[in-house]
Protein backbone atom coordinates (compact mmCIF):
# COMPACT_ATOMS: atom_id res chain seq x y z
CA UNK A 1 129.52 56.44 118.67
CA UNK A 2 128.75 58.76 115.76
CA UNK A 3 131.42 60.78 113.94
CA UNK A 4 129.99 63.94 115.56
CA UNK A 5 130.19 62.47 119.06
CA UNK A 6 133.82 61.46 118.36
CA UNK A 7 134.43 65.12 117.38
CA UNK A 8 132.75 66.17 120.66
CA UNK A 9 134.95 63.91 122.58
CA UNK A 10 138.08 65.29 121.08
CA UNK A 11 136.83 68.85 121.63
CA UNK A 12 136.31 68.26 125.34
CA UNK A 13 139.90 66.84 125.66
CA UNK A 14 141.29 69.82 123.82
CA UNK A 15 139.39 72.21 125.93
CA UNK A 16 140.93 70.85 129.12
CA UNK A 17 144.30 71.70 127.59
CA UNK A 18 143.24 75.07 126.31
CA UNK A 19 141.94 76.14 129.74
CA UNK A 20 145.60 76.44 131.04
CA UNK A 21 147.38 77.13 127.72
CA UNK A 22 148.38 80.76 128.56
CA UNK A 23 151.02 82.00 126.11
CA UNK A 24 150.64 79.06 123.66
CA UNK A 25 147.35 80.43 122.69
CA UNK A 26 148.88 83.60 121.38
CA UNK A 27 151.68 81.72 119.60
CA UNK A 28 148.88 79.69 117.91
CA UNK A 29 146.98 82.73 116.84
CA UNK A 30 150.09 84.28 115.26
CA UNK A 31 150.80 80.97 113.51
CA UNK A 32 147.18 81.17 112.21
CA UNK A 33 147.65 84.72 110.94
CA UNK A 34 150.91 83.70 109.16
CA UNK A 35 149.41 80.52 107.80
CA UNK A 36 146.30 82.32 106.25
CA UNK A 37 148.53 84.78 104.45
CA UNK A 38 151.05 82.08 103.34
CA UNK A 39 148.26 79.93 101.90
CA UNK A 40 145.94 82.61 100.49
CA UNK A 41 146.35 81.15 96.92
CA UNK A 42 145.07 77.76 98.09
CA UNK A 43 142.22 79.32 100.02
CA UNK A 44 141.22 81.53 97.07
CA UNK A 45 141.28 78.44 94.71
CA UNK A 46 138.99 76.45 97.05
CA UNK A 47 136.76 79.59 97.33
CA UNK A 48 136.53 79.89 93.60
CA UNK A 49 135.05 76.40 93.42
CA UNK A 50 132.39 77.44 95.90
CA UNK A 51 131.60 80.60 93.83
CA UNK A 52 131.32 78.59 90.75
CA UNK A 53 128.81 76.22 92.25
CA UNK A 54 126.92 79.05 93.89
CA UNK A 55 126.58 81.07 90.54
CA UNK A 56 125.40 77.86 88.81
CA UNK A 57 122.75 77.42 91.53
CA UNK A 58 121.55 81.03 91.06
CA UNK A 59 122.88 82.67 94.24
CA UNK A 60 122.15 86.43 94.32
CA UNK A 61 125.01 88.96 93.94
CA UNK A 62 124.64 90.15 97.61
CA UNK A 63 125.05 86.63 98.91
CA UNK A 64 127.88 85.97 96.55
CA UNK A 65 129.68 88.90 98.15
CA UNK A 66 129.34 87.18 101.58
CA UNK A 67 130.80 84.07 100.14
CA UNK A 68 133.73 85.62 98.27
CA UNK A 69 137.22 85.65 99.67
CA UNK A 70 139.92 87.88 98.20
CA UNK A 71 143.51 88.43 99.04
CA UNK A 72 142.53 91.56 100.91
CA UNK A 73 139.84 89.80 102.88
CA UNK A 74 142.15 86.87 103.77
CA UNK A 75 144.71 89.52 105.01
CA UNK A 76 141.97 91.05 107.08
CA UNK A 77 141.23 87.68 108.67
CA UNK A 78 144.96 87.34 109.44
CA UNK A 79 145.09 90.85 110.96
CA UNK A 80 142.06 89.95 112.99
CA UNK A 81 143.90 87.08 114.52
CA UNK A 82 146.94 89.25 115.30
CA UNK A 83 144.73 91.84 117.00
CA UNK A 84 143.12 89.17 119.11
CA UNK A 85 146.58 87.77 120.02
CA UNK A 86 147.56 91.21 121.23
CA UNK A 87 144.62 91.46 123.59
CA UNK A 88 144.91 90.72 127.32
CA UNK A 89 144.13 87.08 128.00
CA UNK A 90 140.56 87.04 129.52
CA UNK A 91 141.15 83.75 131.41
CA UNK A 92 142.05 83.93 134.97
CA UNK A 93 140.94 87.58 135.35
CA UNK A 94 139.71 88.24 138.85
CA UNK A 95 136.40 89.77 138.30
CA UNK A 96 135.68 90.61 142.01
CA UNK A 97 136.93 89.47 145.42
CA UNK A 98 136.40 90.11 149.12
CA UNK A 99 137.23 88.53 152.43
CA UNK A 100 134.21 87.53 154.43
CA UNK A 101 133.83 88.14 158.16
CA UNK A 102 134.63 84.48 158.85
CA UNK A 103 137.96 84.89 156.96
CA UNK A 104 136.96 83.09 153.72
CA UNK A 105 138.57 84.74 150.69
CA UNK A 106 136.01 84.61 147.81
CA UNK A 107 137.20 85.47 144.19
CA UNK A 108 135.14 85.48 141.10
CA UNK A 109 137.40 84.46 138.24
CA UNK A 110 136.88 84.29 134.44
CA UNK A 111 137.01 80.81 132.87
CA UNK A 112 136.42 79.42 129.48
CA UNK A 113 132.99 78.21 128.39
CA UNK A 114 134.42 74.92 127.33
CA UNK A 115 133.31 73.67 123.89
CA UNK A 116 131.50 75.95 121.59
CA UNK A 117 129.44 74.94 118.52
CA UNK A 118 129.04 77.22 115.57
CA UNK A 119 126.27 76.88 112.85
CA UNK A 120 126.60 79.46 110.17
CA UNK A 121 125.78 79.98 106.39
CA UNK A 122 127.92 80.96 103.46
CA UNK A 123 130.47 83.22 105.18
CA UNK A 124 133.96 81.52 105.17
CA UNK A 125 135.48 84.43 107.10
CA UNK A 126 133.29 83.23 110.08
CA UNK A 127 135.39 80.02 110.12
CA UNK A 128 138.53 82.13 110.99
CA UNK A 129 136.85 84.64 113.21
CA UNK A 130 135.09 82.09 115.28
CA UNK A 131 138.12 79.83 115.76
CA UNK A 132 140.46 82.70 116.63
CA UNK A 133 138.14 84.12 119.31
CA UNK A 134 137.29 80.68 120.83
CA UNK A 135 141.05 79.82 121.01
CA UNK A 136 141.96 83.07 122.77
CA UNK A 137 139.27 82.55 125.33
CA UNK A 138 140.47 78.97 125.98
CA UNK A 139 137.54 77.26 124.18
CA UNK A 140 137.53 74.39 121.65
CA UNK A 141 135.24 74.95 118.75
CA UNK A 142 133.21 72.62 116.43
CA UNK A 143 132.28 74.56 113.24
CA UNK A 144 129.42 73.62 110.93
CA UNK A 145 129.24 75.91 107.91
CA UNK A 146 126.89 75.87 104.98
CA UNK A 147 127.27 73.69 102.04
CA UNK A 148 127.80 76.68 99.79
CA UNK A 149 131.20 77.39 101.44
CA UNK A 150 132.41 73.89 102.29
CA UNK A 151 135.52 74.05 100.11
CA UNK A 152 136.55 77.42 101.44
CA UNK A 153 135.78 76.52 105.05
CA UNK A 154 137.82 73.23 104.73
CA UNK A 155 140.80 75.12 103.29
CA UNK A 156 140.74 77.77 106.08
CA UNK A 157 140.20 75.13 108.77
CA UNK A 158 143.07 73.06 107.75
CA UNK A 159 145.45 75.97 107.69
CA UNK A 160 144.36 76.80 111.26
CA UNK A 161 144.56 73.20 112.56
CA UNK A 162 148.11 73.02 111.22
CA UNK A 163 148.99 76.31 112.87
CA UNK A 164 147.48 75.25 116.23
CA UNK A 165 149.42 71.98 116.22
CA UNK A 166 152.63 73.74 115.29
CA UNK A 167 152.22 75.93 118.42
CA UNK A 168 152.00 72.92 120.61
CA UNK A 169 148.21 72.79 121.13
CA UNK A 170 145.75 70.02 120.34
CA UNK A 171 144.94 70.09 116.62
CA UNK A 172 141.30 69.24 117.56
CA UNK A 173 140.98 72.58 119.26
CA UNK A 174 139.45 73.51 115.91
CA UNK A 175 137.23 71.05 114.07
CA UNK A 176 134.99 71.52 110.99
CA UNK A 177 132.06 69.20 110.29
CA UNK A 178 132.20 68.02 106.67
CA UNK A 179 128.70 66.74 106.56
CA UNK A 180 126.57 69.78 105.44
CA UNK A 181 123.21 67.91 105.39
CA UNK A 182 120.46 68.99 107.71
CA UNK A 183 121.14 65.85 109.80
CA UNK A 184 124.56 67.20 111.01
CA UNK A 185 122.86 70.35 112.29
CA UNK A 186 120.20 68.47 114.04
CA UNK A 187 122.82 66.24 115.72
CA UNK A 188 124.88 69.16 116.71
CA UNK A 189 121.90 70.88 118.33
CA UNK A 190 121.50 67.79 120.51
CA UNK A 191 125.17 67.34 121.43
CA UNK A 192 124.55 68.05 125.08
CA UNK A 193 127.25 65.73 126.43
CA UNK A 194 129.92 67.68 124.66
CA UNK A 195 128.84 71.19 123.75
CA UNK A 196 128.53 73.95 126.39
CA UNK A 197 126.95 76.50 124.14
CA UNK A 198 125.79 76.84 120.51
CA UNK A 199 126.06 80.07 118.41
CA UNK A 200 124.12 80.27 115.24
CA UNK A 201 125.10 82.98 112.76
CA UNK A 202 123.12 83.58 109.63
CA UNK A 203 119.66 84.50 108.37
CA UNK A 204 116.37 84.64 110.41
CA UNK A 205 115.35 81.14 109.33
CA UNK A 206 118.53 79.50 110.60
CA UNK A 207 118.58 81.26 113.86
CA UNK A 208 114.88 80.54 114.51
CA UNK A 209 115.43 76.93 113.70
CA UNK A 210 118.40 76.73 116.12
CA UNK A 211 116.45 78.52 118.95
CA UNK A 212 113.43 76.26 118.54
CA UNK A 213 115.18 72.93 118.21
CA UNK A 214 118.47 73.11 120.13
CA UNK A 215 118.92 71.24 123.37
CA UNK A 216 122.22 73.03 123.86
CA UNK A 217 122.22 76.51 125.35
CA UNK A 218 121.94 79.11 122.47
CA UNK A 219 123.47 82.50 122.12
CA UNK A 220 121.19 84.32 119.55
CA UNK A 221 123.01 86.38 117.07
CA UNK A 222 122.81 87.96 113.61
CA UNK A 223 119.39 88.94 112.30
CA UNK A 224 119.75 92.59 111.43
CA UNK A 225 116.53 94.63 110.61
CA UNK A 226 118.41 97.95 111.24
CA UNK A 227 116.71 101.32 111.16
CA UNK A 228 117.78 104.95 110.57
CA UNK A 229 115.49 107.77 111.72
CA UNK A 230 116.03 111.18 110.15
CA UNK A 231 114.50 113.75 112.49
CA UNK A 232 113.27 117.24 111.82
CA UNK A 233 116.54 118.86 112.78
CA UNK A 234 118.94 116.68 110.81
CA UNK A 235 121.64 117.86 108.59
CA UNK A 236 120.07 116.39 105.39
CA UNK A 237 123.36 116.22 103.43
CA UNK A 238 125.00 114.27 106.23
CA UNK A 239 121.81 112.09 106.53
CA UNK A 240 121.92 111.24 102.97
CA UNK A 241 125.54 110.18 103.14
CA UNK A 242 124.89 107.97 106.10
CA UNK A 243 121.80 106.34 104.64
CA UNK A 244 123.81 105.56 101.40
CA UNK A 245 126.72 104.04 103.39
CA UNK A 246 124.46 102.01 105.68
CA UNK A 247 122.43 100.59 102.98
CA UNK A 248 124.88 100.17 100.05
CA UNK A 249 128.44 99.59 101.28
CA UNK A 250 127.70 95.86 101.93
CA UNK A 251 123.89 95.31 101.77
CA UNK A 252 124.31 91.45 102.57
CA UNK A 253 125.70 91.96 106.04
CA UNK A 254 123.62 92.15 109.30
CA UNK A 255 124.54 95.77 110.16
CA UNK A 256 123.28 97.17 106.91
CA UNK A 257 120.21 99.42 107.22
CA UNK A 258 116.93 97.89 106.04
CA UNK A 259 114.34 100.62 106.97
CA UNK A 260 114.52 104.40 106.70
CA UNK A 261 112.25 106.48 108.81
CA UNK A 262 111.90 110.24 107.91
CA UNK A 263 110.15 112.90 109.86
CA UNK A 264 107.27 114.50 107.85
CA UNK A 265 108.74 118.03 108.37
CA UNK A 266 111.78 117.27 106.23
CA UNK A 267 110.43 114.43 104.08
CA UNK A 268 109.62 116.63 101.05
CA UNK A 269 113.20 117.88 100.91
CA UNK A 270 115.12 114.84 102.15
CA UNK A 271 113.50 111.92 100.19
CA UNK A 272 114.55 113.26 96.72
CA UNK A 273 117.99 113.78 98.18
CA UNK A 274 118.20 110.21 99.55
CA UNK A 275 116.86 108.73 96.38
CA UNK A 276 119.48 110.57 94.29
CA UNK A 277 122.16 108.94 96.43
CA UNK A 278 120.47 105.52 96.43
CA UNK A 279 120.07 105.54 92.63
CA UNK A 280 123.80 105.29 92.28
CA UNK A 281 123.55 101.70 93.42
CA UNK A 282 120.04 101.14 91.89
CA UNK A 283 118.47 100.54 95.27
CA UNK A 284 114.78 99.86 95.21
CA UNK A 285 112.70 101.82 97.55
CA UNK A 286 109.62 100.16 99.13
CA UNK A 287 107.68 103.06 100.44
CA UNK A 288 104.65 104.13 102.43
CA UNK A 289 101.91 106.09 100.81
CA UNK A 290 103.52 109.46 101.67
CA UNK A 291 106.79 108.26 100.25
CA UNK A 292 105.20 107.14 96.97
CA UNK A 293 103.36 110.47 96.77
CA UNK A 294 106.58 112.47 97.18
CA UNK A 295 108.75 110.37 94.96
CA UNK A 296 106.39 108.92 92.40
CA UNK A 297 105.88 105.36 91.69
CA UNK A 298 108.49 103.58 89.30
CA UNK A 299 110.39 100.44 89.07
CA UNK A 300 112.68 101.72 91.79
CA UNK A 301 109.88 103.18 94.01
CA UNK A 302 107.17 100.71 94.83
CA UNK A 303 104.48 100.46 97.54
CA UNK A 304 105.70 98.71 100.72
CA UNK A 305 103.94 95.48 101.85
CA UNK A 306 103.46 94.90 105.65
CA UNK A 307 106.20 92.20 105.54
CA UNK A 308 108.73 94.79 104.10
CA UNK A 309 108.90 96.50 107.55
CA UNK A 310 110.21 93.37 109.21
CA UNK A 311 112.34 91.86 106.51
CA UNK A 312 116.15 91.64 106.37
CA UNK A 313 116.51 92.14 102.69
CA UNK A 314 120.27 91.66 102.46
CA UNK A 315 120.03 93.29 99.08
CA UNK A 316 119.85 96.66 97.46
CA UNK A 317 116.29 97.19 98.79
CA UNK A 318 115.23 99.80 101.33
CA UNK A 319 111.89 100.13 103.20
CA UNK A 320 110.95 103.82 103.62
CA UNK A 321 108.23 105.43 105.97
CA UNK A 322 107.35 108.96 106.65
CA UNK A 323 106.56 109.45 110.49
CA UNK A 324 105.12 112.47 112.19
CA UNK A 325 107.06 112.44 115.37
CA UNK A 326 110.03 110.88 117.35
CA UNK A 327 107.42 108.79 119.27
CA UNK A 328 106.03 107.33 116.04
CA UNK A 329 109.58 106.45 114.86
CA UNK A 330 110.36 104.75 118.12
CA UNK A 331 107.08 102.85 118.11
CA UNK A 332 107.91 101.59 114.52
CA UNK A 333 111.30 100.42 115.70
CA UNK A 334 109.94 98.84 118.74
CA UNK A 335 107.51 96.88 116.75
CA UNK A 336 109.71 95.71 113.86
CA UNK A 337 113.28 95.81 114.87
CA UNK A 338 115.34 92.66 115.42
CA UNK A 339 117.32 94.44 118.35
CA UNK A 340 120.59 94.80 116.33
CA UNK A 341 121.42 98.42 115.42
CA UNK A 342 119.51 101.60 115.03
CA UNK A 343 120.58 105.28 114.39
CA UNK A 344 119.09 108.71 114.69
CA UNK A 345 120.32 111.61 112.44
CA UNK A 346 119.64 114.75 114.51
CA UNK A 347 121.14 118.11 115.61
CA UNK A 348 119.10 118.15 118.77
CA UNK A 349 120.68 116.84 121.98
CA UNK A 350 117.28 116.06 123.64
CA UNK A 351 116.22 114.02 120.68
CA UNK A 352 119.52 112.00 120.71
CA UNK A 353 119.11 111.47 124.41
CA UNK A 354 115.52 110.22 124.07
CA UNK A 355 116.30 108.01 121.18
CA UNK A 356 119.23 106.38 122.82
CA UNK A 357 117.35 105.87 126.03
CA UNK A 358 114.26 104.40 124.55
CA UNK A 359 115.54 102.28 121.68
CA UNK A 360 116.04 98.79 123.05
CA UNK A 361 118.74 97.46 120.66
CA UNK A 362 122.29 96.11 121.06
CA UNK A 363 123.83 99.22 119.40
CA UNK A 364 122.29 102.68 119.07
CA UNK A 365 123.90 105.43 117.08
CA UNK A 366 123.70 109.18 116.86
CA UNK A 367 124.73 110.76 113.53
CA UNK A 368 126.63 107.60 112.38
CA UNK A 369 126.21 104.65 110.03
CA UNK A 370 124.82 101.36 111.61
CA UNK A 371 127.69 99.63 109.58
CA UNK A 372 130.10 100.21 112.49
CA UNK A 373 128.40 97.42 114.60
CA UNK A 374 131.43 95.12 114.24
CA UNK A 375 133.95 93.59 116.67
CA UNK A 376 136.89 95.10 114.72
CA UNK A 377 135.26 98.54 114.53
CA UNK A 378 134.50 98.38 118.24
CA UNK A 379 138.12 97.56 119.13
CA UNK A 380 137.37 93.89 119.86
CA UNK A 381 139.47 92.39 117.06
CA UNK A 382 137.31 89.74 115.26
CA UNK A 383 133.86 88.81 116.49
CA UNK A 384 132.01 85.62 116.81
CA UNK A 385 128.75 87.37 116.01
CA UNK A 386 126.41 90.23 117.13
CA UNK A 387 124.33 89.08 120.04
CA UNK A 388 120.78 90.38 119.94
CA UNK A 389 119.80 88.89 123.29
CA UNK A 390 120.13 90.24 126.77
CA UNK A 391 121.46 87.24 128.74
CA UNK A 392 125.26 86.62 128.96
CA UNK A 393 126.15 88.83 126.00
CA UNK A 394 124.84 91.65 123.89
CA UNK A 395 126.26 93.26 120.88
CA UNK A 396 129.64 92.33 119.16
CA UNK A 397 130.95 89.27 120.93
CA UNK A 398 134.73 89.35 121.46
CA UNK A 399 136.85 87.17 123.71
CA UNK A 400 135.48 88.49 127.02
CA UNK A 401 131.95 87.41 125.97
CA UNK A 402 133.18 83.81 125.33
CA UNK A 403 133.99 83.29 129.02
CA UNK A 404 132.06 82.23 132.00
CA UNK A 405 133.04 82.53 135.66
CA UNK A 406 133.79 80.43 138.76
CA UNK A 407 133.99 81.24 142.46
CA UNK A 408 137.31 80.21 144.11
CA UNK A 409 137.00 80.08 147.85
CA UNK A 410 140.10 79.96 150.02
CA UNK A 411 139.95 79.33 153.78
CA UNK A 412 142.12 78.08 156.64
CA UNK A 413 139.86 75.51 158.23
CA UNK A 414 136.47 77.30 158.40
CA UNK A 415 133.33 75.09 158.75
CA UNK A 416 129.74 76.21 158.68
CA UNK A 417 127.92 76.20 161.93
């Protein structure tokens, strides 16, 4: 039996306990929150080792931001655990029920998924978020983070394992794979005897690889080619603020805007306004011909290649296209979007209704930044990821999205004729 199979065996045993843990789960979550805050110096020290290695290997500043843990970010992780603990337990909820004409009482009840596997990249906060949500929903979790964050992930995981054990639950409810080679990912994707679902969280390459190679059922999350459309009726000052926030507040995250579409009726006035704001963060604009014509070509305004319309830059880069109609904007988004988050800036009710009805993404905004697509911002506490698929879950995945259901049928001697 391989080391990973042993982990799977321990996770299944832990999942059986967690399925009926009730109040102990919340006690464990509060212990996790306290533990993260109490050991923040140890976690930051481990994180610094990862950051030093990442800088030595030439990691970009935007990706370094993803990797970085600060006291504030650790406190946010702890607060996320407390928010999840305060939520109603999703397990045992009666989703529907009826008594059939033959007297059978049929109830549809929420139950844990079982054992969840997570494959993710250089974001150590995911280690805490995923474990916290899985625990609340009664699931054991096996975590496989990227090599860039191994020291940070190990420090966070050990704090959580200690906390869970202190609360009287199996320590192996949360496990972290130490092997960060490709082989561990391949083996995890084939761990069908132990995993009930696999959740990849990271860039397009990682998610594509997991989708194509996993034999475990996959919930697709993460890739965020997000769009903002500024229509002909938009408040242009407000639009500039929203574009600046959506692109620059944290360009490395999946809810950051990657493409700006501007109606031709306001392009001449709006594009210089947007550029003035984006210049504060030295954002490079990759524009269509009309954009280049209006702004002039420079080191910060360059012609867009076809690939720029579909890329998730995760950097201070924004693709910009001038369109002649709402229909053209929707067609562009339909072709290039990853189905994550899109926004329209408009003062026309009919345009807002058309956009929200015809855009097929997990989150659609009217006059607000795409940066709000987040479990915490949506009132879910932490999130395990943003699902961009349609089966099982879509959008930010909180505790309710980490459950399944079973039918409980009660009778008094009925037999089928």
